[in-house]
Amino acid sequence: MVPALYVALRDGRPPRCRQLSGRRTPIQQLSRGTSAGSHPVAYPHPVALIAFLALAASSVFSGSPGVSLRDVLVRTAGYSATCGDALSNILADEEFDQELVLRRDGAVVERRRLESEIAFVHLSNLEWLAFRSVLRVDGEPVANAAAGLERMFRDRPASALAQARAITAESSRHNLGPVQRNFNVPTTVLQFMLRQHQDRFRFRKAGEERIGEETVWVVEFREQDRGTFIRTPEGRNAPAQGRIWVHPDDGRIVRSRLVVKADVEAQIDVEWRHDARLAMWVPSEMNESYRGPWSRNSAKEDIYDVRGRARYSNYRRFEVDTRIVR
């Protein structure tokens, strides 16, 4: 029996999910709200401030004397908010190559390419979400594909959010393998870094690394709150953890890693680059992997994992006349 992992929209209703061998395991992104389980807070939260100060005593950037972990997290919160504003109403092309890989020898047993457009949209409550619409699968147009996220948000902004969620849910069925997912978008970790969510996590400086010409901090995060962003179909918590590679002087995130361990172990790595045309940093590549008890037959040696690599290009801006509300 294949355990199922499901992550529901906070204000949505999860579909019924059966745990059957060989069937798809639903995973979706959680949208923060004010319903049960969510905890919007002012920033900095007193408890979080104490935690930050305690960590700051042992975490000082060697290249910038006096910069503490709390300083970096405050800057990262500001950068994430600014980045969300800058990405608002941005559309990009996505080429997503997915594979089923045998665990015993790394042999690829099945491949799929999804060509999509992905939209980053600002919400009225100062948060933002990413939506994917699959246009072609292995080069073949998707039947009844939406006319386009840009047109939908531009022409019908009042109802666009609900429509985008429906399109994202429909697009997720094209993913290869037994894991049905829609939280695999490159901006998920930036949501965690927003100031209204930081006190839900515990942070630790893990070290420093050189990326290109810059020295960045490697900061680990681990979700502590019981009302987690990611849930099982039964509503059980599936805490997120991972790392961000962040510039300590301005809070700019250049790389992120998200790990979720529940019935399925998921990992999503994202690289960011500077886009000269938009004069901002944007996601350039996302790599995902899912490890579960899946097998192509009853033989144990045929257990496989799901892997994917998405590349982003052709970033452009579209205009929305009315602010989108939930």
Protein backbone atom coordinates (compact mmCIF):
# COMPACT_ATOMS: atom_id res chain seq x y z
CA MET A 1 0.00 0.00 0.00
CA VAL A 2 1.38 3.41 -1.01
CA PRO A 3 1.03 6.06 1.72
CA ALA A 4 -0.50 9.28 0.47
CA LEU A 5 0.62 12.85 1.17
CA TYR A 6 -1.68 15.77 0.44
CA VAL A 7 -1.21 19.48 0.96
CA ALA A 8 -4.48 21.37 0.74
CA LEU A 9 -5.24 24.99 0.04
CA ARG A 10 -6.04 26.53 3.42
CA ASP A 11 -9.47 27.72 2.33
CA GLY A 12 -10.11 24.82 -0.03
CA ARG A 13 -11.42 21.31 0.47
CA PRO A 14 -9.04 18.41 -0.19
CA PRO A 15 -10.26 15.79 -2.65
CA ARG A 16 -10.85 12.30 -1.40
CA CYS A 17 -7.65 10.29 -1.53
CA ARG A 18 -7.31 6.53 -1.50
CA GLN A 19 -4.06 4.82 -0.57
CA LEU A 20 -3.71 2.31 -3.39
CA SER A 21 -0.52 0.81 -4.80
CA GLY A 22 0.32 2.33 -8.15
CA ARG A 23 -2.14 5.21 -7.77
CA ARG A 24 -1.16 8.87 -7.61
CA THR A 25 -0.22 10.46 -4.30
CA PRO A 26 -1.72 13.99 -4.17
CA ILE A 27 0.42 16.88 -2.96
CA GLN A 28 -0.67 20.50 -3.21
CA GLN A 29 0.41 23.88 -1.89
CA LEU A 30 -1.10 25.44 1.20
CA SER A 31 -2.27 29.04 1.03
CA ARG A 32 -2.03 30.91 4.30
CA GLY A 33 -5.24 32.37 5.71
CA THR A 34 -6.95 33.12 8.97
CA SER A 35 -8.87 29.89 9.35
CA ALA A 36 -8.16 27.28 12.01
CA GLY A 37 -4.53 26.36 12.20
CA SER A 38 -3.15 29.64 10.89
CA HIS A 39 -1.43 32.17 13.13
CA PRO A 40 -0.92 35.62 11.57
CA VAL A 41 1.31 37.67 13.87
CA ALA A 42 2.96 41.06 14.14
CA TYR A 43 6.72 41.21 13.54
CA PRO A 44 8.92 40.73 15.37
CA HIS A 45 7.02 38.35 17.61
CA PRO A 46 8.38 38.44 21.21
CA VAL A 47 9.10 34.70 21.31
CA ALA A 48 10.74 34.85 17.91
CA LEU A 49 12.78 37.86 19.01
CA ILE A 50 14.13 35.94 22.01
CA ALA A 51 15.02 33.02 19.76
CA PHE A 52 16.74 35.31 17.27
CA LEU A 53 18.75 37.05 19.98
CA ALA A 54 19.87 33.73 21.42
CA LEU A 55 20.99 32.56 18.00
CA ALA A 56 22.67 35.87 17.23
CA ALA A 57 25.10 35.45 20.11
CA SER A 58 26.72 32.48 18.35
CA SER A 59 26.10 33.38 14.71
CA VAL A 60 28.09 36.35 13.45
CA PHE A 61 29.18 36.71 9.84
CA SER A 62 32.96 36.65 9.73
CA GLY A 63 33.10 38.90 6.66
CA SER A 64 30.77 41.54 8.15
CA PRO A 65 31.57 42.00 11.85
CA GLY A 66 28.54 42.60 14.04
CA VAL A 67 25.97 41.12 11.63
CA SER A 68 23.85 38.62 13.54
CA LEU A 69 21.49 35.90 12.39
CA ARG A 70 18.57 38.05 13.51
CA ASP A 71 19.87 40.91 11.33
CA VAL A 72 20.05 38.58 8.33
CA LEU A 73 16.55 37.19 8.93
CA VAL A 74 15.07 40.68 9.19
CA ARG A 75 16.75 41.57 5.91
CA THR A 76 15.59 38.32 4.34
CA ALA A 77 12.00 39.06 5.37
CA GLY A 78 12.26 42.48 3.76
CA TYR A 79 13.83 41.04 0.62
CA SER A 80 11.14 38.34 0.33
CA ALA A 81 8.39 40.93 0.59
CA THR A 82 10.11 43.18 -1.93
CA CYS A 83 10.74 40.23 -4.23
CA GLY A 84 7.07 39.27 -4.01
CA ASP A 85 6.06 42.80 -4.98
CA ALA A 86 8.54 42.81 -7.86
CA LEU A 87 7.39 39.40 -9.12
CA SER A 88 3.75 40.44 -8.96
CA ASN A 89 2.09 40.16 -12.35
CA ILE A 90 5.15 38.48 -13.86
CA LEU A 91 4.72 35.61 -16.30
CA ALA A 92 7.42 33.12 -17.34
CA ASP A 93 7.81 30.09 -19.60
CA GLU A 94 8.65 26.80 -17.91
CA GLU A 95 10.18 23.66 -19.45
CA PHE A 96 9.83 20.81 -16.97
CA ASP A 97 11.59 17.49 -17.64
CA GLN A 98 10.44 14.69 -15.33
CA GLU A 99 11.77 11.14 -14.95
CA LEU A 100 11.11 7.88 -13.15
CA VAL A 101 14.52 6.59 -11.98
CA LEU A 102 15.29 3.11 -10.63
CA ARG A 103 16.84 3.43 -7.20
CA ARG A 104 19.17 0.43 -7.59
CA ASP A 105 21.16 1.67 -10.61
CA GLY A 106 19.84 5.12 -11.60
CA ALA A 107 18.36 3.89 -14.88
CA VAL A 108 15.62 6.12 -16.31
CA VAL A 109 12.53 4.05 -17.11
CA GLU A 110 10.16 6.83 -18.19
CA ARG A 111 10.39 10.49 -19.20
CA ARG A 112 7.97 13.36 -19.70
CA ARG A 113 8.32 17.02 -20.69
CA LEU A 114 5.79 19.63 -19.62
CA GLU A 115 5.73 23.05 -21.26
CA SER A 116 3.85 25.56 -19.16
CA GLU A 117 3.43 29.17 -18.29
CA ILE A 118 3.76 30.20 -14.67
CA ALA A 119 2.34 33.38 -13.16
CA PHE A 120 3.37 35.12 -9.94
CA VAL A 121 0.43 37.09 -8.55
CA HIS A 122 0.13 39.55 -5.65
CA LEU A 123 -2.79 39.05 -3.27
CA SER A 124 -4.63 41.70 -1.30
CA ASN A 125 -3.30 40.44 2.06
CA LEU A 126 0.32 41.28 1.19
CA GLU A 127 1.14 37.71 0.16
CA TRP A 128 1.60 36.27 -3.30
CA LEU A 129 1.25 32.92 -5.01
CA ALA A 130 2.56 31.16 -8.11
CA PHE A 131 0.26 29.38 -10.55
CA ARG A 132 1.16 26.91 -13.31
CA SER A 133 -0.81 26.19 -16.46
CA VAL A 134 0.42 23.23 -18.54
CA LEU A 135 0.13 23.95 -22.28
CA ARG A 136 1.90 20.94 -23.86
CA VAL A 137 2.88 17.43 -22.73
CA ASP A 138 5.72 15.82 -24.71
CA GLY A 139 5.10 18.39 -27.43
CA GLU A 140 1.38 17.68 -27.75
CA PRO A 141 -1.06 20.49 -26.90
CA VAL A 142 -3.16 19.88 -23.80
CA ALA A 143 -6.82 19.44 -24.68
CA ASN A 144 -9.06 22.19 -23.29
CA ALA A 145 -6.04 24.14 -22.03
CA ALA A 146 -6.83 27.57 -20.65
CA ALA A 147 -6.51 30.53 -23.03
CA GLY A 148 -3.71 31.79 -20.83
CA LEU A 149 -3.04 32.94 -17.28
CA GLU A 150 -2.16 36.44 -18.45
CA ARG A 151 -5.47 36.92 -20.25
CA MET A 152 -7.42 35.45 -17.33
CA PHE A 153 -5.87 37.76 -14.73
CA ARG A 154 -6.07 40.78 -17.03
CA ASP A 155 -9.66 40.36 -18.19
CA ARG A 156 -11.34 38.88 -15.11
CA PRO A 157 -9.29 39.81 -12.04
CA ALA A 158 -12.17 39.47 -9.57
CA SER A 159 -12.58 35.74 -10.27
CA ALA A 160 -9.07 35.01 -11.51
CA LEU A 161 -7.74 33.56 -8.24
CA ALA A 162 -10.35 30.81 -8.07
CA GLN A 163 -9.85 30.05 -11.75
CA ALA A 164 -6.06 29.94 -11.35
CA ARG A 165 -6.38 27.48 -8.49
CA ALA A 166 -8.60 25.27 -10.64
CA ILE A 167 -6.13 25.47 -13.54
CA THR A 168 -3.23 24.60 -11.21
CA ALA A 169 -5.12 21.62 -9.81
CA GLU A 170 -5.92 20.43 -13.32
CA SER A 171 -2.34 20.97 -14.50
CA SER A 172 -0.94 18.94 -11.61
CA ARG A 173 -2.45 15.75 -13.06
CA HIS A 174 0.08 15.92 -15.91
CA ASN A 175 3.01 15.37 -13.55
CA LEU A 176 4.83 12.08 -14.10
CA GLY A 177 4.77 9.43 -11.41
CA PRO A 178 2.57 8.54 -8.43
CA VAL A 179 3.00 11.92 -6.71
CA GLN A 180 0.36 14.46 -7.68
CA ARG A 181 1.73 17.82 -6.59
CA ASN A 182 1.26 21.54 -7.10
CA PHE A 183 3.44 23.07 -4.39
CA ASN A 184 6.50 22.45 -6.58
CA VAL A 185 6.88 26.07 -7.68
CA PRO A 186 10.16 27.98 -7.25
CA THR A 187 8.90 30.62 -4.81
CA THR A 188 7.52 28.38 -2.03
CA VAL A 189 10.45 28.93 0.37
CA LEU A 190 10.24 32.72 -0.04
CA GLN A 191 6.77 32.52 1.50
CA PHE A 192 8.31 30.98 4.62
CA MET A 193 10.70 33.93 4.95
CA LEU A 194 7.99 36.59 5.08
CA ARG A 195 7.95 38.35 8.44
CA GLN A 196 4.44 37.12 9.31
CA HIS A 197 5.65 33.51 9.02
CA GLN A 198 9.20 33.55 10.36
CA ASP A 199 8.22 32.88 13.97
CA ARG A 200 6.75 29.57 12.82
CA PHE A 201 10.30 28.38 12.09
CA ARG A 202 13.54 27.78 13.95
CA PHE A 203 16.63 29.11 12.18
CA ARG A 204 20.32 28.25 12.49
CA LYS A 205 23.40 29.48 10.66
CA ALA A 206 25.03 26.37 9.17
CA GLY A 207 28.05 28.06 7.60
CA GLU A 208 29.23 30.18 4.70
CA GLU A 209 29.83 29.36 1.04
CA ARG A 210 31.19 31.06 -2.01
CA ILE A 211 28.72 31.34 -4.92
CA GLY A 212 30.17 33.16 -7.89
CA GLU A 213 31.85 36.30 -6.61
CA GLU A 214 29.83 36.48 -3.41
CA THR A 215 30.15 34.94 0.03
CA VAL A 216 26.74 33.94 1.34
CA TRP A 217 25.35 32.52 4.55
CA VAL A 218 23.84 29.06 4.61
CA VAL A 219 20.85 29.27 6.98
CA GLU A 220 18.87 26.19 7.99
CA PHE A 221 15.17 26.41 8.81
CA ARG A 222 12.79 23.96 10.46
CA GLU A 223 9.05 24.46 10.86
CA GLN A 224 7.90 24.31 14.50
CA ASP A 225 4.24 25.35 14.43
CA ARG A 226 1.64 22.59 14.42
CA GLY A 227 -0.45 24.33 11.75
CA THR A 228 2.09 23.49 9.03
CA PHE A 229 2.06 24.66 5.43
CA ILE A 230 2.04 21.04 4.25
CA ARG A 231 -0.45 18.39 5.37
CA THR A 232 -1.36 14.76 4.82
CA PRO A 233 -4.81 13.86 3.42
CA GLU A 234 -5.98 13.25 7.00
CA GLY A 235 -4.84 16.71 8.06
CA ARG A 236 -1.67 15.57 9.85
CA ASN A 237 1.21 18.03 9.94
CA ALA A 238 4.15 17.53 7.59
CA PRO A 239 6.73 20.10 8.78
CA ALA A 240 8.97 21.75 6.23
CA GLN A 241 12.72 22.09 6.65
CA GLY A 242 15.62 23.06 4.47
CA ARG A 243 18.19 25.75 3.73
CA ILE A 244 18.54 29.13 2.12
CA TRP A 245 21.74 30.59 0.69
CA VAL A 246 21.41 34.27 1.50
CA HIS A 247 23.56 37.38 1.12
CA PRO A 248 23.95 38.73 4.69
CA ASP A 249 24.11 42.40 3.68
CA ASP A 250 20.79 42.66 1.84
CA GLY A 251 18.89 39.40 2.57
CA ARG A 252 18.95 38.36 -1.08
CA ILE A 253 18.29 34.63 -1.55
CA VAL A 254 20.31 33.05 -4.36
CA ARG A 255 19.51 29.40 -3.67
CA SER A 256 16.99 27.44 -1.59
CA ARG A 257 16.26 23.88 -0.56
CA LEU A 258 12.91 22.62 0.73
CA VAL A 259 12.61 19.16 2.32
CA VAL A 260 9.37 17.55 3.49
CA LYS A 261 9.41 14.11 5.12
CA ALA A 262 6.07 12.43 5.65
CA ASP A 263 4.66 9.42 3.82
CA VAL A 264 6.75 10.67 0.89
CA GLU A 265 10.15 12.39 1.16
CA ALA A 266 10.26 15.43 -1.12
CA GLN A 267 13.15 17.79 -1.91
CA ILE A 268 12.99 20.91 -4.08
CA ASP A 269 16.13 22.94 -4.91
CA VAL A 270 15.89 26.34 -6.62
CA GLU A 271 18.56 28.54 -8.20
CA TRP A 272 18.07 32.28 -8.80
CA ARG A 273 19.69 34.59 -11.36
CA HIS A 274 19.61 38.28 -12.25
CA ASP A 275 17.32 39.19 -15.15
CA ALA A 276 18.74 42.24 -16.92
CA ARG A 277 15.51 43.11 -18.73
CA LEU A 278 13.42 43.21 -15.54
CA ALA A 279 16.38 44.41 -13.42
CA MET A 280 15.59 41.89 -10.68
CA TRP A 281 16.46 38.39 -9.44
CA VAL A 282 14.23 35.60 -10.75
CA PRO A 283 14.15 31.78 -10.48
CA SER A 284 16.33 30.18 -13.15
CA GLU A 285 16.08 26.47 -12.37
CA MET A 286 14.23 24.12 -10.02
CA ASN A 287 15.15 20.49 -9.30
CA GLU A 288 12.74 18.20 -7.48
CA SER A 289 12.92 14.64 -6.19
CA TYR A 290 10.37 12.38 -4.48
CA ARG A 291 11.30 9.20 -2.66
CA GLY A 292 8.58 6.70 -1.81
CA PRO A 293 7.79 2.98 -1.73
CA TRP A 294 6.82 2.82 -5.40
CA SER A 295 7.69 -0.15 -7.61
CA ARG A 296 6.97 -0.94 -11.25
CA ASN A 297 6.16 -4.50 -10.23
CA SER A 298 6.33 -6.75 -7.17
CA ALA A 299 10.12 -7.11 -7.43
CA LYS A 300 11.89 -5.10 -4.75
CA GLU A 301 14.77 -4.20 -7.09
CA ASP A 302 12.39 -2.18 -9.30
CA ILE A 303 11.67 0.49 -6.66
CA TYR A 304 11.92 3.90 -8.31
CA ASP A 305 12.02 7.60 -7.42
CA VAL A 306 10.55 10.63 -9.20
CA ARG A 307 12.88 13.41 -10.35
CA GLY A 308 12.34 16.61 -12.26
CA ARG A 309 14.21 19.63 -13.60
CA ALA A 310 12.42 22.86 -14.55
CA ARG A 311 14.02 25.80 -16.36
CA TYR A 312 12.52 29.28 -16.57
CA SER A 313 12.83 31.85 -19.36
CA ASN A 314 11.06 34.69 -21.17
CA TYR A 315 10.04 36.61 -18.07
CA ARG A 316 7.56 39.36 -18.91
CA ARG A 317 5.13 41.60 -17.09
CA PHE A 318 1.37 41.80 -17.47
CA GLU A 319 -1.03 44.35 -16.03
CA VAL A 320 -3.99 43.71 -13.73
CA ASP A 321 -6.45 46.56 -13.24
CA THR A 322 -7.92 45.33 -9.94
CA ARG A 323 -6.09 43.90 -6.92
CA ILE A 324 -6.89 40.21 -6.61
CA VAL A 325 -8.63 39.12 -3.42
CA ARG A 326 -9.04 35.68 -1.88
